[in-house]
Amino acid sequence: MAVPTFTAPVVTFNAIRGLFKASYTVSGTTIKAEGEGDTEYQAKRSAVVTYRNVNPLAFLDLPA
């Protein structure tokens, strides 16, 4: 499995909750990596970490 490539993030701000939400589309799949945080950086990092927790083998760069 190749290392995933993420598209440019779509970052939105929820004024009611006071949180940023980041959403990436992962190359070669229809899976979306989504995360929330107090800042844009935290939201982006949360999205990648959440994706990594769901797909632990995605970042190992193992041959197919």
PDB file of N, CA and C in Angstrom:
ATOM      1  N   MET A   1       0.845  -1.166   0.000  1.00  0.00           N
ATOM      2  CA  MET A   1       0.000   0.000   0.000  1.00  0.00           C
ATOM      3  C   MET A   1       0.897   1.237   0.000  1.00  0.00           C
ATOM      4  N   ALA A   2       0.647   2.147  -0.888  1.00  0.00           N
ATOM      5  CA  ALA A   2       1.444   3.362  -0.980  1.00  0.00           C
ATOM      6  C   ALA A   2       1.021   4.367   0.084  1.00  0.00           C
ATOM      7  N   VAL A   3       1.920   5.268   0.370  1.00  0.00           N
ATOM      8  CA  VAL A   3       1.614   6.315   1.336  1.00  0.00           C
ATOM      9  C   VAL A   3       0.487   7.179   0.764  1.00  0.00           C
ATOM     10  N   PRO A   4      -0.557   7.442   1.548  1.00  0.00           N
ATOM     11  CA  PRO A   4      -1.686   8.212   1.022  1.00  0.00           C
ATOM     12  C   PRO A   4      -1.316   9.662   0.742  1.00  0.00           C
ATOM     13  N   THR A   5      -1.952  10.225  -0.265  1.00  0.00           N
ATOM     14  CA  THR A   5      -1.796  11.627  -0.587  1.00  0.00           C
ATOM     15  C   THR A   5      -3.116  12.314  -0.280  1.00  0.00           C
ATOM     16  N   PHE A   6      -3.032  13.396   0.467  1.00  0.00           N
ATOM     17  CA  PHE A   6      -4.231  14.121   0.849  1.00  0.00           C
ATOM     18  C   PHE A   6      -4.418  15.331  -0.049  1.00  0.00           C
ATOM     19  N   THR A   7      -5.672  15.646  -0.378  1.00  0.00           N
ATOM     20  CA  THR A   7      -5.980  16.849  -1.150  1.00  0.00           C
ATOM     21  C   THR A   7      -5.816  18.061  -0.244  1.00  0.00           C
ATOM     22  N   ALA A   8      -5.947  19.228  -0.810  1.00  0.00           N
ATOM     23  CA  ALA A   8      -5.920  20.449   0.004  1.00  0.00           C
ATOM     24  C   ALA A   8      -7.107  20.393   0.972  1.00  0.00           C
ATOM     25  N   PRO A   9      -6.905  20.803   2.212  1.00  0.00           N
ATOM     26  CA  PRO A   9      -7.981  20.688   3.193  1.00  0.00           C
ATOM     27  C   PRO A   9      -9.076  21.722   2.972  1.00  0.00           C
ATOM     28  N   VAL A  10     -10.280  21.323   3.328  1.00  0.00           N
ATOM     29  CA  VAL A  10     -11.403  22.240   3.365  1.00  0.00           C
ATOM     30  C   VAL A  10     -11.616  22.529   4.844  1.00  0.00           C
ATOM     31  N   VAL A  11     -11.341  23.768   5.246  1.00  0.00           N
ATOM     32  CA  VAL A  11     -11.431  24.138   6.658  1.00  0.00           C
ATOM     33  C   VAL A  11     -12.616  25.074   6.850  1.00  0.00           C
ATOM     34  N   THR A  12     -13.474  24.715   7.802  1.00  0.00           N
ATOM     35  CA  THR A  12     -14.619  25.556   8.141  1.00  0.00           C
ATOM     36  C   THR A  12     -14.578  25.857   9.628  1.00  0.00           C
ATOM     37  N   PHE A  13     -15.280  26.907  10.024  1.00  0.00           N
ATOM     38  CA  PHE A  13     -15.342  27.282  11.425  1.00  0.00           C
ATOM     39  C   PHE A  13     -16.788  27.235  11.884  1.00  0.00           C
ATOM     40  N   ASN A  14     -17.039  26.515  12.967  1.00  0.00           N
ATOM     41  CA  ASN A  14     -18.370  26.430  13.555  1.00  0.00           C
ATOM     42  C   ASN A  14     -18.426  27.440  14.691  1.00  0.00           C
ATOM     43  N   ALA A  15     -19.119  28.568  14.468  1.00  0.00           N
ATOM     44  CA  ALA A  15     -19.165  29.646  15.455  1.00  0.00           C
ATOM     45  C   ALA A  15     -19.912  29.236  16.717  1.00  0.00           C
ATOM     46  N   ILE A  16     -20.860  28.356  16.610  1.00  0.00           N
ATOM     47  CA  ILE A  16     -21.627  27.926  17.781  1.00  0.00           C
ATOM     48  C   ILE A  16     -20.757  27.110  18.722  1.00  0.00           C
ATOM     49  N   ARG A  17     -20.014  26.153  18.183  1.00  0.00           N
ATOM     50  CA  ARG A  17     -19.145  25.303  18.999  1.00  0.00           C
ATOM     51  C   ARG A  17     -17.773  25.910  19.212  1.00  0.00           C
ATOM     52  N   GLY A  18     -17.390  26.871  18.376  1.00  0.00           N
ATOM     53  CA  GLY A  18     -16.088  27.510  18.483  1.00  0.00           C
ATOM     54  C   GLY A  18     -14.943  26.619  18.040  1.00  0.00           C
ATOM     55  N   LEU A  19     -15.212  25.713  17.100  1.00  0.00           N
ATOM     56  CA  LEU A  19     -14.192  24.781  16.632  1.00  0.00           C
ATOM     57  C   LEU A  19     -14.019  24.867  15.121  1.00  0.00           C
ATOM     58  N   PHE A  20     -12.795  24.611  14.689  1.00  0.00           N
ATOM     59  CA  PHE A  20     -12.509  24.472  13.264  1.00  0.00           C
ATOM     60  C   PHE A  20     -12.697  23.011  12.878  1.00  0.00           C
ATOM     61  N   LYS A  21     -13.149  22.779  11.638  1.00  0.00           N
ATOM     62  CA  LYS A  21     -13.288  21.416  11.124  1.00  0.00           C
ATOM     63  C   LYS A  21     -12.532  21.337   9.810  1.00  0.00           C
ATOM     64  N   ALA A  22     -11.653  20.343   9.702  1.00  0.00           N
ATOM     65  CA  ALA A  22     -10.869  20.138   8.482  1.00  0.00           C
ATOM     66  C   ALA A  22     -11.294  18.829   7.832  1.00  0.00           C
ATOM     67  N   SER A  23     -11.329  18.826   6.506  1.00  0.00           N
ATOM     68  CA  SER A  23     -11.721  17.639   5.767  1.00  0.00           C
ATOM     69  C   SER A  23     -10.788  17.468   4.571  1.00  0.00           C
ATOM     70  N   TYR A  24     -10.202  16.286   4.462  1.00  0.00           N
ATOM     71  CA  TYR A  24      -9.333  15.925   3.339  1.00  0.00           C
ATOM     72  C   TYR A  24      -9.963  14.757   2.591  1.00  0.00           C
ATOM     73  N   THR A  25      -9.701  14.677   1.285  1.00  0.00           N
ATOM     74  CA  THR A  25     -10.018  13.486   0.524  1.00  0.00           C
ATOM     75  C   THR A  25      -8.694  12.775   0.283  1.00  0.00           C
ATOM     76  N   VAL A  26      -8.679  11.473   0.472  1.00  0.00           N
ATOM     77  CA  VAL A  26      -7.456  10.691   0.342  1.00  0.00           C
ATOM     78  C   VAL A  26      -7.373  10.132  -1.075  1.00  0.00           C
ATOM     79  N   SER A  27      -6.198  10.248  -1.700  1.00  0.00           N
ATOM     80  CA  SER A  27      -6.022   9.791  -3.072  1.00  0.00           C
ATOM     81  C   SER A  27      -6.272   8.297  -3.205  1.00  0.00           C
ATOM     82  N   GLY A  28      -6.897   7.920  -4.301  1.00  0.00           N
ATOM     83  CA  GLY A  28      -7.132   6.518  -4.593  1.00  0.00           C
ATOM     84  C   GLY A  28      -8.297   5.918  -3.832  1.00  0.00           C
ATOM     85  N   THR A  29      -8.993   6.695  -3.013  1.00  0.00           N
ATOM     86  CA  THR A  29     -10.133   6.198  -2.255  1.00  0.00           C
ATOM     87  C   THR A  29     -11.237   7.244  -2.254  1.00  0.00           C
ATOM     88  N   THR A  30     -12.365   6.863  -1.723  1.00  0.00           N
ATOM     89  CA  THR A  30     -13.445   7.822  -1.520  1.00  0.00           C
ATOM     90  C   THR A  30     -13.556   8.189  -0.047  1.00  0.00           C
ATOM     91  N   ILE A  31     -12.580   7.767   0.723  1.00  0.00           N
ATOM     92  CA  ILE A  31     -12.578   8.015   2.159  1.00  0.00           C
ATOM     93  C   ILE A  31     -12.210   9.466   2.433  1.00  0.00           C
ATOM     94  N   LYS A  32     -12.903  10.063   3.385  1.00  0.00           N
ATOM     95  CA  LYS A  32     -12.583  11.415   3.816  1.00  0.00           C
ATOM     96  C   LYS A  32     -11.956  11.354   5.194  1.00  0.00           C
ATOM     97  N   ALA A  33     -10.905  12.113   5.378  1.00  0.00           N
ATOM     98  CA  ALA A  33     -10.276  12.252   6.687  1.00  0.00           C
ATOM     99  C   ALA A  33     -10.808  13.550   7.278  1.00  0.00           C
ATOM    100  N   GLU A  34     -11.439  13.458   8.440  1.00  0.00           N
ATOM    101  CA  GLU A  34     -12.035  14.636   9.054  1.00  0.00           C
ATOM    102  C   GLU A  34     -11.553  14.784  10.493  1.00  0.00           C
ATOM    103  N   GLY A  35     -11.406  16.027  10.923  1.00  0.00           N
ATOM    104  CA  GLY A  35     -10.982  16.287  12.288  1.00  0.00           C
ATOM    105  C   GLY A  35     -11.428  17.661  12.746  1.00  0.00           C
ATOM    106  N   GLU A  36     -11.453  17.847  14.064  1.00  0.00           N
ATOM    107  CA  GLU A  36     -11.841  19.120  14.652  1.00  0.00           C
ATOM    108  C   GLU A  36     -10.773  19.580  15.632  1.00  0.00           C
ATOM    109  N   GLY A  37     -10.699  20.890  15.832  1.00  0.00           N
ATOM    110  CA  GLY A  37      -9.740  21.427  16.786  1.00  0.00           C
ATOM    111  C   GLY A  37      -9.981  22.897  17.060  1.00  0.00           C
ATOM    112  N   ASP A  38      -9.272  23.418  18.062  1.00  0.00           N
ATOM    113  CA  ASP A  38      -9.395  24.822  18.448  1.00  0.00           C
ATOM    114  C   ASP A  38      -8.785  25.755  17.412  1.00  0.00           C
ATOM    115  N   THR A  39      -7.791  25.280  16.673  1.00  0.00           N
ATOM    116  CA  THR A  39      -7.150  26.076  15.630  1.00  0.00           C
ATOM    117  C   THR A  39      -7.197  25.281  14.323  1.00  0.00           C
ATOM    118  N   GLU A  40      -6.878  25.955  13.216  1.00  0.00           N
ATOM    119  CA  GLU A  40      -6.845  25.263  11.924  1.00  0.00           C
ATOM    120  C   GLU A  40      -5.809  24.147  11.942  1.00  0.00           C
ATOM    121  N   TYR A  41      -4.654  24.422  12.525  1.00  0.00           N
ATOM    122  CA  TYR A  41      -3.591  23.420  12.586  1.00  0.00           C
ATOM    123  C   TYR A  41      -4.057  22.177  13.333  1.00  0.00           C
ATOM    124  N   GLN A  42      -4.692  22.367  14.491  1.00  0.00           N
ATOM    125  CA  GLN A  42      -5.164  21.228  15.277  1.00  0.00           C
ATOM    126  C   GLN A  42      -6.213  20.428  14.510  1.00  0.00           C
ATOM    127  N   ALA A  43      -7.088  21.113  13.774  1.00  0.00           N
ATOM    128  CA  ALA A  43      -8.114  20.426  12.994  1.00  0.00           C
ATOM    129  C   ALA A  43      -7.484  19.584  11.885  1.00  0.00           C
ATOM    130  N   LYS A  44      -6.488  20.140  11.187  1.00  0.00           N
ATOM    131  CA  LYS A  44      -5.810  19.404  10.119  1.00  0.00           C
ATOM    132  C   LYS A  44      -5.070  18.192  10.679  1.00  0.00           C
ATOM    133  N   ARG A  45      -4.364  18.395  11.787  1.00  0.00           N
ATOM    134  CA  ARG A  45      -3.619  17.303  12.409  1.00  0.00           C
ATOM    135  C   ARG A  45      -4.570  16.217  12.910  1.00  0.00           C
ATOM    136  N   SER A  46      -5.673  16.624  13.485  1.00  0.00           N
ATOM    137  CA  SER A  46      -6.664  15.671  13.981  1.00  0.00           C
ATOM    138  C   SER A  46      -7.219  14.820  12.844  1.00  0.00           C
ATOM    139  N   ALA A  47      -7.431  15.426  11.679  1.00  0.00           N
ATOM    140  CA  ALA A  47      -7.947  14.682  10.530  1.00  0.00           C
ATOM    141  C   ALA A  47      -6.957  13.606  10.095  1.00  0.00           C
ATOM    142  N   VAL A  48      -5.678  13.947  10.025  1.00  0.00           N
ATOM    143  CA  VAL A  48      -4.657  12.981   9.607  1.00  0.00           C
ATOM    144  C   VAL A  48      -4.508  11.879  10.655  1.00  0.00           C
ATOM    145  N   VAL A  49      -4.498  12.252  11.922  1.00  0.00           N
ATOM    146  CA  VAL A  49      -4.355  11.262  12.994  1.00  0.00           C
ATOM    147  C   VAL A  49      -5.557  10.324  13.029  1.00  0.00           C
ATOM    148  N   THR A  50      -6.748  10.854  12.834  1.00  0.00           N
ATOM    149  CA  THR A  50      -7.948  10.022  12.807  1.00  0.00           C
ATOM    150  C   THR A  50      -7.893   9.030  11.650  1.00  0.00           C
ATOM    151  N   TYR A  51      -7.458   9.505  10.476  1.00  0.00           N
ATOM    152  CA  TYR A  51      -7.317   8.616   9.321  1.00  0.00           C
ATOM    153  C   TYR A  51      -6.280   7.530   9.609  1.00  0.00           C
ATOM    154  N   ARG A  52      -5.179   7.924  10.235  1.00  0.00           N
ATOM    155  CA  ARG A  52      -4.121   6.956  10.551  1.00  0.00           C
ATOM    156  C   ARG A  52      -4.605   5.904  11.548  1.00  0.00           C
ATOM    157  N   ASN A  53      -5.424   6.294  12.516  1.00  0.00           N
ATOM    158  CA  ASN A  53      -5.957   5.330  13.484  1.00  0.00           C
ATOM    159  C   ASN A  53      -6.879   4.320  12.821  1.00  0.00           C
ATOM    160  N   VAL A  54      -7.638   4.752  11.834  1.00  0.00           N
ATOM    161  CA  VAL A  54      -8.569   3.864  11.132  1.00  0.00           C
ATOM    162  C   VAL A  54      -7.824   2.966  10.144  1.00  0.00           C
ATOM    163  N   ASN A  55      -6.757   3.478   9.529  1.00  0.00           N
ATOM    164  CA  ASN A  55      -5.978   2.745   8.520  1.00  0.00           C
ATOM    165  C   ASN A  55      -4.509   2.698   8.921  1.00  0.00           C
ATOM    166  N   PRO A  56      -4.128   1.903   9.911  1.00  0.00           N
ATOM    167  CA  PRO A  56      -2.758   1.930  10.415  1.00  0.00           C
ATOM    168  C   PRO A  56      -1.697   1.494   9.409  1.00  0.00           C
ATOM    169  N   LEU A  57      -2.050   0.684   8.440  1.00  0.00           N
ATOM    170  CA  LEU A  57      -1.065   0.215   7.466  1.00  0.00           C
ATOM    171  C   LEU A  57      -0.823   1.219   6.334  1.00  0.00           C
ATOM    172  N   ALA A  58      -1.610   2.269   6.276  1.00  0.00           N
ATOM    173  CA  ALA A  58      -1.523   3.224   5.166  1.00  0.00           C
ATOM    174  C   ALA A  58      -0.196   3.975   5.141  1.00  0.00           C
ATOM    175  N   PHE A  59       0.443   4.149   6.285  1.00  0.00           N
ATOM    176  CA  PHE A  59       1.652   4.967   6.330  1.00  0.00           C
ATOM    177  C   PHE A  59       2.942   4.139   6.370  1.00  0.00           C
ATOM    178  N   LEU A  60       2.834   2.827   6.193  1.00  0.00           N
ATOM    179  CA  LEU A  60       4.017   1.976   6.260  1.00  0.00           C
ATOM    180  C   LEU A  60       4.757   1.847   4.932  1.00  0.00           C
ATOM    181  N   ASP A  61       4.139   2.261   3.832  1.00  0.00           N
ATOM    182  CA  ASP A  61       4.727   2.201   2.499  1.00  0.00           C
ATOM    183  C   ASP A  61       5.166   0.774   2.141  1.00  0.00           C
ATOM    184  N   LEU A  62       4.271  -0.175   2.377  1.00  0.00           N
ATOM    185  CA  LEU A  62       4.521  -1.569   2.022  1.00  0.00           C
ATOM    186  C   LEU A  62       4.204  -1.792   0.558  1.00  0.00           C
ATOM    187  N   PRO A  63       4.957  -2.623  -0.144  1.00  0.00           N
ATOM    188  CA  PRO A  63       4.619  -2.911  -1.539  1.00  0.00           C
ATOM    189  C   PRO A  63       3.300  -3.682  -1.605  1.00  0.00           C
ATOM    190  N   ALA A  64       2.572  -3.418  -2.657  1.00  0.00           N
ATOM    191  CA  ALA A  64       1.238  -4.055  -2.815  1.00  0.00           C
ATOM    192  C   ALA A  64       1.338  -5.515  -3.122  1.00  0.00           C
TER     193      ALA A  64
END
